[in-house]
Amino acid sequence: MTSYIVAPAAKADIDEIAVYIVTADRAAAERFVDEVYAAFELLALHPQLGHHRHDLTDRPVRFWTVMRRYMIVYRDLSPIEIVRVLSGYRDIANLLA
């Protein structure tokens, strides 16, 4: 297991998204959680995979997309810090302001 830190806001994001998904499809909610944590492992091994989004924030964070619609926002420190996990349908710039 690689090393990463999940901020409380990111944990709350994951829970909120999973609760939303589970109302329609329990298996899909479980896949979402599995995919997100697999992405955390990948990013911990290769922190430079993500990209900066200066159109969304001037903060020193990177973005990585999971399941084509969820964005992992993280700091490429050692260990990496997962800041948020957000749906691409939300106003991400406003959420990160």
PDB file of N, CA and C in Angstrom:
ATOM      1  N   MET A   1       0.848  -1.189   0.000  1.00  0.00           N
ATOM      2  CA  MET A   1       0.000   0.000   0.000  1.00  0.00           C
ATOM      3  C   MET A   1       0.884   1.240   0.000  1.00  0.00           C
ATOM      4  N   THR A   2       0.572   2.142  -0.889  1.00  0.00           N
ATOM      5  CA  THR A   2       1.324   3.384  -0.963  1.00  0.00           C
ATOM      6  C   THR A   2       0.761   4.381   0.031  1.00  0.00           C
ATOM      7  N   SER A   3       1.447   5.478   0.143  1.00  0.00           N
ATOM      8  CA  SER A   3       1.097   6.445   1.177  1.00  0.00           C
ATOM      9  C   SER A   3       0.422   7.682   0.589  1.00  0.00           C
ATOM     10  N   TYR A   4      -0.719   8.027   1.182  1.00  0.00           N
ATOM     11  CA  TYR A   4      -1.414   9.253   0.834  1.00  0.00           C
ATOM     12  C   TYR A   4      -2.275   9.661   2.019  1.00  0.00           C
ATOM     13  N   ILE A   5      -2.647  10.929   2.030  1.00  0.00           N
ATOM     14  CA  ILE A   5      -3.502  11.480   3.088  1.00  0.00           C
ATOM     15  C   ILE A   5      -4.797  11.932   2.427  1.00  0.00           C
ATOM     16  N   VAL A   6      -5.918  11.583   3.046  1.00  0.00           N
ATOM     17  CA  VAL A   6      -7.220  12.015   2.535  1.00  0.00           C
ATOM     18  C   VAL A   6      -7.776  13.043   3.519  1.00  0.00           C
ATOM     19  N   ALA A   7      -7.913  14.272   3.044  1.00  0.00           N
ATOM     20  CA  ALA A   7      -8.438  15.354   3.884  1.00  0.00           C
ATOM     21  C   ALA A   7      -9.892  15.074   4.258  1.00  0.00           C
ATOM     22  N   PRO A   8     -10.329  15.583   5.401  1.00  0.00           N
ATOM     23  CA  PRO A   8     -11.727  15.390   5.808  1.00  0.00           C
ATOM     24  C   PRO A   8     -12.736  15.829   4.740  1.00  0.00           C
ATOM     25  N   ALA A   9     -12.461  16.922   4.050  1.00  0.00           N
ATOM     26  CA  ALA A   9     -13.390  17.383   3.001  1.00  0.00           C
ATOM     27  C   ALA A   9     -13.491  16.355   1.878  1.00  0.00           C
ATOM     28  N   ALA A  10     -12.376  15.721   1.524  1.00  0.00           N
ATOM     29  CA  ALA A  10     -12.392  14.697   0.475  1.00  0.00           C
ATOM     30  C   ALA A  10     -13.161  13.461   0.929  1.00  0.00           C
ATOM     31  N   LYS A  11     -12.980  13.072   2.202  1.00  0.00           N
ATOM     32  CA  LYS A  11     -13.755  11.936   2.733  1.00  0.00           C
ATOM     33  C   LYS A  11     -15.247  12.240   2.685  1.00  0.00           C
ATOM     34  N   ALA A  12     -15.616  13.454   3.045  1.00  0.00           N
ATOM     35  CA  ALA A  12     -17.025  13.856   3.006  1.00  0.00           C
ATOM     36  C   ALA A  12     -17.541  13.851   1.557  1.00  0.00           C
ATOM     37  N   ASP A  13     -16.702  14.289   0.611  1.00  0.00           N
ATOM     38  CA  ASP A  13     -17.096  14.271  -0.802  1.00  0.00           C
ATOM     39  C   ASP A  13     -17.380  12.842  -1.261  1.00  0.00           C
ATOM     40  N   ILE A  14     -16.492  11.918  -0.920  1.00  0.00           N
ATOM     41  CA  ILE A  14     -16.658  10.519  -1.326  1.00  0.00           C
ATOM     42  C   ILE A  14     -17.947   9.958  -0.749  1.00  0.00           C
ATOM     43  N   ASP A  15     -18.179  10.212   0.528  1.00  0.00           N
ATOM     44  CA  ASP A  15     -19.409   9.727   1.166  1.00  0.00           C
ATOM     45  C   ASP A  15     -20.643  10.308   0.491  1.00  0.00           C
ATOM     46  N   GLU A  16     -20.633  11.607   0.226  1.00  0.00           N
ATOM     47  CA  GLU A  16     -21.780  12.271  -0.393  1.00  0.00           C
ATOM     48  C   GLU A  16     -22.075  11.699  -1.782  1.00  0.00           C
ATOM     49  N   ILE A  17     -21.030  11.512  -2.569  1.00  0.00           N
ATOM     50  CA  ILE A  17     -21.212  10.974  -3.921  1.00  0.00           C
ATOM     51  C   ILE A  17     -21.706   9.531  -3.851  1.00  0.00           C
ATOM     52  N   ALA A  18     -21.118   8.731  -2.971  1.00  0.00           N
ATOM     53  CA  ALA A  18     -21.524   7.323  -2.850  1.00  0.00           C
ATOM     54  C   ALA A  18     -22.980   7.202  -2.404  1.00  0.00           C
ATOM     55  N   VAL A  19     -23.396   8.033  -1.470  1.00  0.00           N
ATOM     56  CA  VAL A  19     -24.799   8.015  -1.019  1.00  0.00           C
ATOM     57  C   VAL A  19     -25.725   8.382  -2.176  1.00  0.00           C
ATOM     58  N   TYR A  20     -25.330   9.355  -2.971  1.00  0.00           N
ATOM     59  CA  TYR A  20     -26.140   9.745  -4.130  1.00  0.00           C
ATOM     60  C   TYR A  20     -26.252   8.584  -5.125  1.00  0.00           C
ATOM     61  N   ILE A  21     -25.127   7.924  -5.419  1.00  0.00           N
ATOM     62  CA  ILE A  21     -25.122   6.841  -6.399  1.00  0.00           C
ATOM     63  C   ILE A  21     -25.893   5.631  -5.887  1.00  0.00           C
ATOM     64  N   VAL A  22     -25.751   5.317  -4.608  1.00  0.00           N
ATOM     65  CA  VAL A  22     -26.346   4.096  -4.064  1.00  0.00           C
ATOM     66  C   VAL A  22     -27.870   4.108  -4.161  1.00  0.00           C
ATOM     67  N   THR A  23     -28.471   5.280  -4.210  1.00  0.00           N
ATOM     68  CA  THR A  23     -29.935   5.333  -4.328  1.00  0.00           C
ATOM     69  C   THR A  23     -30.401   4.714  -5.646  1.00  0.00           C
ATOM     70  N   ALA A  24     -29.558   4.732  -6.653  1.00  0.00           N
ATOM     71  CA  ALA A  24     -29.906   4.157  -7.953  1.00  0.00           C
ATOM     72  C   ALA A  24     -29.288   2.775  -8.164  1.00  0.00           C
ATOM     73  N   ASP A  25     -28.060   2.588  -7.640  1.00  0.00           N
ATOM     74  CA  ASP A  25     -27.343   1.347  -7.955  1.00  0.00           C
ATOM     75  C   ASP A  25     -26.232   1.102  -6.928  1.00  0.00           C
ATOM     76  N   ARG A  26     -26.475   0.151  -6.043  1.00  0.00           N
ATOM     77  CA  ARG A  26     -25.502  -0.149  -4.987  1.00  0.00           C
ATOM     78  C   ARG A  26     -24.150  -0.596  -5.553  1.00  0.00           C
ATOM     79  N   ALA A  27     -24.167  -1.443  -6.570  1.00  0.00           N
ATOM     80  CA  ALA A  27     -22.917  -1.919  -7.171  1.00  0.00           C
ATOM     81  C   ALA A  27     -22.129  -0.768  -7.782  1.00  0.00           C
ATOM     82  N   ALA A  28     -22.828   0.183  -8.390  1.00  0.00           N
ATOM     83  CA  ALA A  28     -22.153   1.342  -8.984  1.00  0.00           C
ATOM     84  C   ALA A  28     -21.494   2.185  -7.895  1.00  0.00           C
ATOM     85  N   ALA A  29     -22.162   2.326  -6.766  1.00  0.00           N
ATOM     86  CA  ALA A  29     -21.580   3.091  -5.656  1.00  0.00           C
ATOM     87  C   ALA A  29     -20.309   2.412  -5.152  1.00  0.00           C
ATOM     88  N   GLU A  30     -20.337   1.099  -5.054  1.00  0.00           N
ATOM     89  CA  GLU A  30     -19.143   0.363  -4.621  1.00  0.00           C
ATOM     90  C   GLU A  30     -18.020   0.494  -5.639  1.00  0.00           C
ATOM     91  N   ARG A  31     -18.362   0.443  -6.931  1.00  0.00           N
ATOM     92  CA  ARG A  31     -17.349   0.632  -7.983  1.00  0.00           C
ATOM     93  C   ARG A  31     -16.736   2.026  -7.889  1.00  0.00           C
ATOM     94  N   PHE A  32     -17.580   3.032  -7.633  1.00  0.00           N
ATOM     95  CA  PHE A  32     -17.078   4.401  -7.494  1.00  0.00           C
ATOM     96  C   PHE A  32     -16.026   4.475  -6.389  1.00  0.00           C
ATOM     97  N   VAL A  33     -16.354   3.958  -5.217  1.00  0.00           N
ATOM     98  CA  VAL A  33     -15.420   4.012  -4.083  1.00  0.00           C
ATOM     99  C   VAL A  33     -14.143   3.256  -4.425  1.00  0.00           C
ATOM    100  N   ASP A  34     -14.277   2.067  -5.024  1.00  0.00           N
ATOM    101  CA  ASP A  34     -13.094   1.279  -5.402  1.00  0.00           C
ATOM    102  C   ASP A  34     -12.222   2.027  -6.401  1.00  0.00           C
ATOM    103  N   GLU A  35     -12.848   2.633  -7.414  1.00  0.00           N
ATOM    104  CA  GLU A  35     -12.099   3.369  -8.437  1.00  0.00           C
ATOM    105  C   GLU A  35     -11.372   4.575  -7.837  1.00  0.00           C
ATOM    106  N   VAL A  36     -12.033   5.273  -6.947  1.00  0.00           N
ATOM    107  CA  VAL A  36     -11.423   6.454  -6.329  1.00  0.00           C
ATOM    108  C   VAL A  36     -10.198   6.050  -5.513  1.00  0.00           C
ATOM    109  N   TYR A  37     -10.336   5.027  -4.690  1.00  0.00           N
ATOM    110  CA  TYR A  37      -9.194   4.623  -3.872  1.00  0.00           C
ATOM    111  C   TYR A  37      -8.078   4.001  -4.715  1.00  0.00           C
ATOM    112  N   ALA A  38      -8.413   3.337  -5.809  1.00  0.00           N
ATOM    113  CA  ALA A  38      -7.377   2.840  -6.729  1.00  0.00           C
ATOM    114  C   ALA A  38      -6.635   4.019  -7.360  1.00  0.00           C
ATOM    115  N   ALA A  39      -7.361   5.081  -7.679  1.00  0.00           N
ATOM    116  CA  ALA A  39      -6.722   6.283  -8.232  1.00  0.00           C
ATOM    117  C   ALA A  39      -5.797   6.931  -7.201  1.00  0.00           C
ATOM    118  N   PHE A  40      -6.199   6.930  -5.931  1.00  0.00           N
ATOM    119  CA  PHE A  40      -5.324   7.470  -4.885  1.00  0.00           C
ATOM    120  C   PHE A  40      -4.002   6.716  -4.868  1.00  0.00           C
ATOM    121  N   GLU A  41      -4.076   5.395  -4.970  1.00  0.00           N
ATOM    122  CA  GLU A  41      -2.865   4.564  -4.988  1.00  0.00           C
ATOM    123  C   GLU A  41      -1.987   4.911  -6.193  1.00  0.00           C
ATOM    124  N   LEU A  42      -2.604   5.028  -7.355  1.00  0.00           N
ATOM    125  CA  LEU A  42      -1.868   5.369  -8.570  1.00  0.00           C
ATOM    126  C   LEU A  42      -1.195   6.727  -8.438  1.00  0.00           C
ATOM    127  N   LEU A  43      -1.937   7.705  -7.952  1.00  0.00           N
ATOM    128  CA  LEU A  43      -1.380   9.055  -7.804  1.00  0.00           C
ATOM    129  C   LEU A  43      -0.279   9.104  -6.754  1.00  0.00           C
ATOM    130  N   ALA A  44      -0.397   8.296  -5.719  1.00  0.00           N
ATOM    131  CA  ALA A  44       0.663   8.249  -4.709  1.00  0.00           C
ATOM    132  C   ALA A  44       1.955   7.710  -5.326  1.00  0.00           C
ATOM    133  N   LEU A  45       1.824   6.764  -6.241  1.00  0.00           N
ATOM    134  CA  LEU A  45       3.007   6.210  -6.921  1.00  0.00           C
ATOM    135  C   LEU A  45       3.560   7.163  -7.981  1.00  0.00           C
ATOM    136  N   HIS A  46       2.667   7.913  -8.621  1.00  0.00           N
ATOM    137  CA  HIS A  46       3.045   8.804  -9.729  1.00  0.00           C
ATOM    138  C   HIS A  46       2.365  10.168  -9.548  1.00  0.00           C
ATOM    139  N   PRO A  47       2.825  10.958  -8.603  1.00  0.00           N
ATOM    140  CA  PRO A  47       2.140  12.211  -8.280  1.00  0.00           C
ATOM    141  C   PRO A  47       2.103  13.236  -9.409  1.00  0.00           C
ATOM    142  N   GLN A  48       2.941  13.100 -10.403  1.00  0.00           N
ATOM    143  CA  GLN A  48       2.953  14.070 -11.503  1.00  0.00           C
ATOM    144  C   GLN A  48       1.943  13.733 -12.604  1.00  0.00           C
ATOM    145  N   LEU A  49       1.177  12.662 -12.440  1.00  0.00           N
ATOM    146  CA  LEU A  49       0.198  12.285 -13.467  1.00  0.00           C
ATOM    147  C   LEU A  49      -0.880  13.337 -13.658  1.00  0.00           C
ATOM    148  N   GLY A  50      -1.320  13.933 -12.592  1.00  0.00           N
ATOM    149  CA  GLY A  50      -2.375  14.940 -12.686  1.00  0.00           C
ATOM    150  C   GLY A  50      -1.883  16.201 -13.363  1.00  0.00           C
ATOM    151  N   HIS A  51      -2.802  17.093 -13.611  1.00  0.00           N
ATOM    152  CA  HIS A  51      -2.442  18.345 -14.276  1.00  0.00           C
ATOM    153  C   HIS A  51      -3.010  19.524 -13.501  1.00  0.00           C
ATOM    154  N   HIS A  52      -2.389  20.667 -13.698  1.00  0.00           N
ATOM    155  CA  HIS A  52      -2.853  21.902 -13.069  1.00  0.00           C
ATOM    156  C   HIS A  52      -4.032  22.435 -13.881  1.00  0.00           C
ATOM    157  N   ARG A  53      -4.956  23.084 -13.192  1.00  0.00           N
ATOM    158  CA  ARG A  53      -6.105  23.696 -13.862  1.00  0.00           C
ATOM    159  C   ARG A  53      -6.191  25.143 -13.400  1.00  0.00           C
ATOM    160  N   HIS A  54      -5.396  25.989 -14.020  1.00  0.00           N
ATOM    161  CA  HIS A  54      -5.376  27.395 -13.646  1.00  0.00           C
ATOM    162  C   HIS A  54      -6.689  28.094 -13.978  1.00  0.00           C
ATOM    163  N   ASP A  55      -7.503  27.475 -14.819  1.00  0.00           N
ATOM    164  CA  ASP A  55      -8.820  28.024 -15.110  1.00  0.00           C
ATOM    165  C   ASP A  55      -9.792  27.801 -13.944  1.00  0.00           C
ATOM    166  N   LEU A  56      -9.453  26.866 -13.043  1.00  0.00           N
ATOM    167  CA  LEU A  56     -10.328  26.556 -11.914  1.00  0.00           C
ATOM    168  C   LEU A  56      -9.820  27.097 -10.582  1.00  0.00           C
ATOM    169  N   THR A  57      -8.498  27.162 -10.432  1.00  0.00           N
ATOM    170  CA  THR A  57      -7.934  27.630  -9.161  1.00  0.00           C
ATOM    171  C   THR A  57      -6.480  28.035  -9.357  1.00  0.00           C
ATOM    172  N   ASP A  58      -6.036  28.955  -8.518  1.00  0.00           N
ATOM    173  CA  ASP A  58      -4.626  29.328  -8.539  1.00  0.00           C
ATOM    174  C   ASP A  58      -3.862  28.608  -7.432  1.00  0.00           C
ATOM    175  N   ARG A  59      -4.547  27.723  -6.729  1.00  0.00           N
ATOM    176  CA  ARG A  59      -3.899  26.952  -5.662  1.00  0.00           C
ATOM    177  C   ARG A  59      -2.953  25.922  -6.258  1.00  0.00           C
ATOM    178  N   PRO A  60      -1.933  25.528  -5.507  1.00  0.00           N
ATOM    179  CA  PRO A  60      -0.955  24.559  -6.016  1.00  0.00           C
ATOM    180  C   PRO A  60      -1.478  23.124  -5.912  1.00  0.00           C
ATOM    181  N   VAL A  61      -2.496  22.818  -6.713  1.00  0.00           N
ATOM    182  CA  VAL A  61      -3.087  21.484  -6.713  1.00  0.00           C
ATOM    183  C   VAL A  61      -3.104  20.928  -8.131  1.00  0.00           C
ATOM    184  N   ARG A  62      -3.240  19.620  -8.196  1.00  0.00           N
ATOM    185  CA  ARG A  62      -3.365  18.929  -9.474  1.00  0.00           C
ATOM    186  C   ARG A  62      -4.723  18.246  -9.527  1.00  0.00           C
ATOM    187  N   PHE A  63      -5.146  17.911 -10.738  1.00  0.00           N
ATOM    188  CA  PHE A  63      -6.440  17.278 -10.961  1.00  0.00           C
ATOM    189  C   PHE A  63      -6.250  15.962 -11.696  1.00  0.00           C
ATOM    190  N   TRP A  64      -7.054  14.983 -11.324  1.00  0.00           N
ATOM    191  CA  TRP A  64      -7.056  13.686 -11.994  1.00  0.00           C
ATOM    192  C   TRP A  64      -8.503  13.225 -12.105  1.00  0.00           C
ATOM    193  N   THR A  65      -8.915  12.823 -13.290  1.00  0.00           N
ATOM    194  CA  THR A  65     -10.293  12.431 -13.525  1.00  0.00           C
ATOM    195  C   THR A  65     -10.460  10.923 -13.358  1.00  0.00           C
ATOM    196  N   VAL A  66     -11.560  10.556 -12.689  1.00  0.00           N
ATOM    197  CA  VAL A  66     -11.895   9.156 -12.450  1.00  0.00           C
ATOM    198  C   VAL A  66     -13.298   8.909 -12.982  1.00  0.00           C
ATOM    199  N   MET A  67     -13.487   7.816 -13.663  1.00  0.00           N
ATOM    200  CA  MET A  67     -14.793   7.414 -14.178  1.00  0.00           C
ATOM    201  C   MET A  67     -15.414   8.502 -15.057  1.00  0.00           C
ATOM    202  N   ARG A  68     -14.598   9.257 -15.745  1.00  0.00           N
ATOM    203  CA  ARG A  68     -14.954  10.280 -16.727  1.00  0.00           C
ATOM    204  C   ARG A  68     -15.750  11.452 -16.181  1.00  0.00           C
ATOM    205  N   ARG A  69     -16.096  11.472 -14.879  1.00  0.00           N
ATOM    206  CA  ARG A  69     -16.886  12.609 -14.399  1.00  0.00           C
ATOM    207  C   ARG A  69     -16.514  13.097 -13.009  1.00  0.00           C
ATOM    208  N   TYR A  70     -15.614  12.411 -12.330  1.00  0.00           N
ATOM    209  CA  TYR A  70     -15.231  12.820 -10.981  1.00  0.00           C
ATOM    210  C   TYR A  70     -13.783  13.284 -10.994  1.00  0.00           C
ATOM    211  N   MET A  71     -13.530  14.391 -10.323  1.00  0.00           N
ATOM    212  CA  MET A  71     -12.194  14.960 -10.302  1.00  0.00           C
ATOM    213  C   MET A  71     -11.585  14.834  -8.917  1.00  0.00           C
ATOM    214  N   ILE A  72     -10.416  14.237  -8.881  1.00  0.00           N
ATOM    215  CA  ILE A  72      -9.638  14.179  -7.645  1.00  0.00           C
ATOM    216  C   ILE A  72      -8.735  15.408  -7.658  1.00  0.00           C
ATOM    217  N   VAL A  73      -8.812  16.177  -6.606  1.00  0.00           N
ATOM    218  CA  VAL A  73      -7.984  17.374  -6.455  1.00  0.00           C
ATOM    219  C   VAL A  73      -6.963  17.041  -5.372  1.00  0.00           C
ATOM    220  N   TYR A  74      -5.677  17.161  -5.699  1.00  0.00           N
ATOM    221  CA  TYR A  74      -4.653  16.749  -4.738  1.00  0.00           C
ATOM    222  C   TYR A  74      -3.416  17.635  -4.804  1.00  0.00           C
ATOM    223  N   ARG A  75      -2.692  17.618  -3.698  1.00  0.00           N
ATOM    224  CA  ARG A  75      -1.392  18.290  -3.627  1.00  0.00           C
ATOM    225  C   ARG A  75      -0.323  17.226  -3.805  1.00  0.00           C
ATOM    226  N   ASP A  76       0.615  17.487  -4.696  1.00  0.00           N
ATOM    227  CA  ASP A  76       1.667  16.494  -4.958  1.00  0.00           C
ATOM    228  C   ASP A  76       2.837  16.660  -3.996  1.00  0.00           C
ATOM    229  N   LEU A  77       2.525  16.458  -2.739  1.00  0.00           N
ATOM    230  CA  LEU A  77       3.517  16.474  -1.673  1.00  0.00           C
ATOM    231  C   LEU A  77       3.993  15.051  -1.444  1.00  0.00           C
ATOM    232  N   SER A  78       4.749  14.848  -0.419  1.00  0.00           N
ATOM    233  CA  SER A  78       5.161  13.490  -0.062  1.00  0.00           C
ATOM    234  C   SER A  78       4.824  13.241   1.403  1.00  0.00           C
ATOM    235  N   PRO A  79       3.778  12.515   1.698  1.00  0.00           N
ATOM    236  CA  PRO A  79       2.853  11.835   0.792  1.00  0.00           C
ATOM    237  C   PRO A  79       1.865  12.817   0.169  1.00  0.00           C
ATOM    238  N   ILE A  80       1.241  12.395  -0.927  1.00  0.00           N
ATOM    239  CA  ILE A  80       0.269  13.287  -1.551  1.00  0.00           C
ATOM    240  C   ILE A  80      -0.909  13.496  -0.611  1.00  0.00           C
ATOM    241  N   GLU A  81      -1.557  14.637  -0.778  1.00  0.00           N
ATOM    242  CA  GLU A  81      -2.742  14.943   0.021  1.00  0.00           C
ATOM    243  C   GLU A  81      -3.938  15.086  -0.902  1.00  0.00           C
ATOM    244  N   ILE A  82      -4.926  14.243  -0.715  1.00  0.00           N
ATOM    245  CA  ILE A  82      -6.166  14.323  -1.474  1.00  0.00           C
ATOM    246  C   ILE A  82      -7.000  15.426  -0.828  1.00  0.00           C
ATOM    247  N   VAL A  83      -7.249  16.494  -1.561  1.00  0.00           N
ATOM    248  CA  VAL A  83      -7.927  17.666  -1.033  1.00  0.00           C
ATOM    249  C   VAL A  83      -9.441  17.537  -1.186  1.00  0.00           C
ATOM    250  N   ARG A  84      -9.896  17.172  -2.385  1.00  0.00           N
ATOM    251  CA  ARG A  84     -11.330  17.042  -2.671  1.00  0.00           C
ATOM    252  C   ARG A  84     -11.536  15.960  -3.717  1.00  0.00           C
ATOM    253  N   VAL A  85     -12.742  15.434  -3.767  1.00  0.00           N
ATOM    254  CA  VAL A  85     -13.189  14.544  -4.835  1.00  0.00           C
ATOM    255  C   VAL A  85     -14.542  15.117  -5.265  1.00  0.00           C
ATOM    256  N   LEU A  86     -14.597  15.656  -6.482  1.00  0.00           N
ATOM    257  CA  LEU A  86     -15.767  16.430  -6.904  1.00  0.00           C
ATOM    258  C   LEU A  86     -16.342  15.922  -8.221  1.00  0.00           C
ATOM    259  N   SER A  87     -17.636  16.039  -8.338  1.00  0.00           N
ATOM    260  CA  SER A  87     -18.298  15.727  -9.597  1.00  0.00           C
ATOM    261  C   SER A  87     -17.986  16.829 -10.594  1.00  0.00           C
ATOM    262  N   GLY A  88     -17.715  16.446 -11.816  1.00  0.00           N
ATOM    263  CA  GLY A  88     -17.461  17.419 -12.870  1.00  0.00           C
ATOM    264  C   GLY A  88     -18.679  18.251 -13.213  1.00  0.00           C
ATOM    265  N   TYR A  89     -19.850  17.845 -12.714  1.00  0.00           N
ATOM    266  CA  TYR A  89     -21.078  18.594 -12.958  1.00  0.00           C
ATOM    267  C   TYR A  89     -21.245  19.770 -11.992  1.00  0.00           C
ATOM    268  N   ARG A  90     -20.396  19.848 -10.985  1.00  0.00           N
ATOM    269  CA  ARG A  90     -20.504  20.912  -9.989  1.00  0.00           C
ATOM    270  C   ARG A  90     -19.661  22.114 -10.406  1.00  0.00           C
ATOM    271  N   ASP A  91     -19.854  23.219  -9.739  1.00  0.00           N
ATOM    272  CA  ASP A  91     -19.088  24.439  -9.976  1.00  0.00           C
ATOM    273  C   ASP A  91     -17.766  24.325  -9.206  1.00  0.00           C
ATOM    274  N   ILE A  92     -16.801  23.678  -9.822  1.00  0.00           N
ATOM    275  CA  ILE A  92     -15.548  23.347  -9.139  1.00  0.00           C
ATOM    276  C   ILE A  92     -14.765  24.602  -8.760  1.00  0.00           C
ATOM    277  N   ALA A  93     -14.722  25.573  -9.625  1.00  0.00           N
ATOM    278  CA  ALA A  93     -14.003  26.820  -9.301  1.00  0.00           C
ATOM    279  C   ALA A  93     -14.568  27.455  -8.042  1.00  0.00           C
ATOM    280  N   ASN A  94     -15.859  27.477  -7.911  1.00  0.00           N
ATOM    281  CA  ASN A  94     -16.498  28.058  -6.738  1.00  0.00           C
ATOM    282  C   ASN A  94     -16.231  27.207  -5.494  1.00  0.00           C
ATOM    283  N   LEU A  95     -16.261  25.907  -5.626  1.00  0.00           N
ATOM    284  CA  LEU A  95     -16.016  25.018  -4.491  1.00  0.00           C
ATOM    285  C   LEU A  95     -14.581  25.124  -3.972  1.00  0.00           C
ATOM    286  N   LEU A  96     -13.646  25.447  -4.855  1.00  0.00           N
ATOM    287  CA  LEU A  96     -12.241  25.544  -4.464  1.00  0.00           C
ATOM    288  C   LEU A  96     -11.833  26.960  -4.063  1.00  0.00           C
ATOM    289  N   ALA A  97     -12.731  27.919  -4.239  1.00  0.00           N
ATOM    290  CA  ALA A  97     -12.408  29.322  -3.921  1.00  0.00           C
ATOM    291  C   ALA A  97     -12.224  29.517  -2.420  1.00  0.00           C
TER     292      ALA A  97
END
